[in-house]
Amino acid sequence: MSPARRSRPFGSVQPLQQQSAHADARAEVEVQILGPVVVVGAARPFRRPWGLELIVYLALHPEGVTADRWATALWPDRLVADPTRHSTVSAARRTLGRSRAGGDHLPHGRGRLRLGPAVSTDWQRFQGLASTGDPGAWVAALGLVRGRPFDGLRTADWTVLEGVAAEVEDAVVQLARAVVRDRLAAGDGHGAERAARRGLLAAPYDERLYRDLLRAADLQGNPAGVEAAMAELIGLLGGGPPVPRAGPPSVTADLARWVHPRTAALYDLLSRRHDAGALAGRR
């Protein structure tokens, strides 16, 4: 994941309670990383972007970190002076504000920084909902996904080097696929499609989710949806359109130049099924 520099607001002063009925009742501030990064419930918007970077890093390290560790994560290619680190922490502390209990959301630490107990993340909410055996809670967890995790950070190298980005994306994909399987088993092709699409917000190149889209369209009796999903995938990967079904029986081999063989084989199977159904209907 390459660093992204964009001109956007760095935070929000909207109360956390207005964000979701599934928010932790104990949380007063939520760091949202399941899409473009935003901090909800802070005392004021972030004016210094490195303050936002610091809060995100601390939110994903609830056990706390040393100054050297977070500074290296934020500025991996250079050493920063102590005044820069101190001003970054102070600005972040002022922006987060104080808890209802009276303490700073970013308490003063003795060589180690750690967010206060009233600061949480949407990732924690996601994990809590996903860990249940309730498909309804799974759908609620997927509803927290708004896009690529950690989108908008100035430096996201640490999310890759520490394996955090891969962990989050994999968890979203696995949960999306669990919901897809549940919806397919219930005969709900539309619900399966919605779950796959939500997973693709976080992992747009995951072919397993595209195979789920193919299955969802097939369950809906939508051959055009099958074709559209495959065309979307091939376009995403930089290939041409799917081989027309009127062509020779080498569709799987031709598509395998662009997509995984399992994806090509599934598309071939579903296309032939719809071809056979259309032919039977004309007889």
Foldseek 3Di string as FASTA:
>chain_A
DFFDADPDWAEDQAFPVVVDPLDDPLAGWAFEFLAATYIYRAPATQPDQLLSVLVVVQQVVQVWDFLVVSQCQQVVPDDDDPVVSVVSLVSNQVRRDADPVGATQFHDDDRITHGDPNYHYLLVSLVVLLPDPDLVSLVVSLVSRDAAGRPNRRGCVCCVVVVVSVVSLVSLQVSLVVNLVVCVVVLNLVSNLVSLVSSCRHVVLDVVSLLSQLSSCLSVVHLVSNQVSLQVNQVVQVHHGQDDPVDDPCRLVVCVVRDPSVSSVSSSVSVVVNVVVVVVVVD
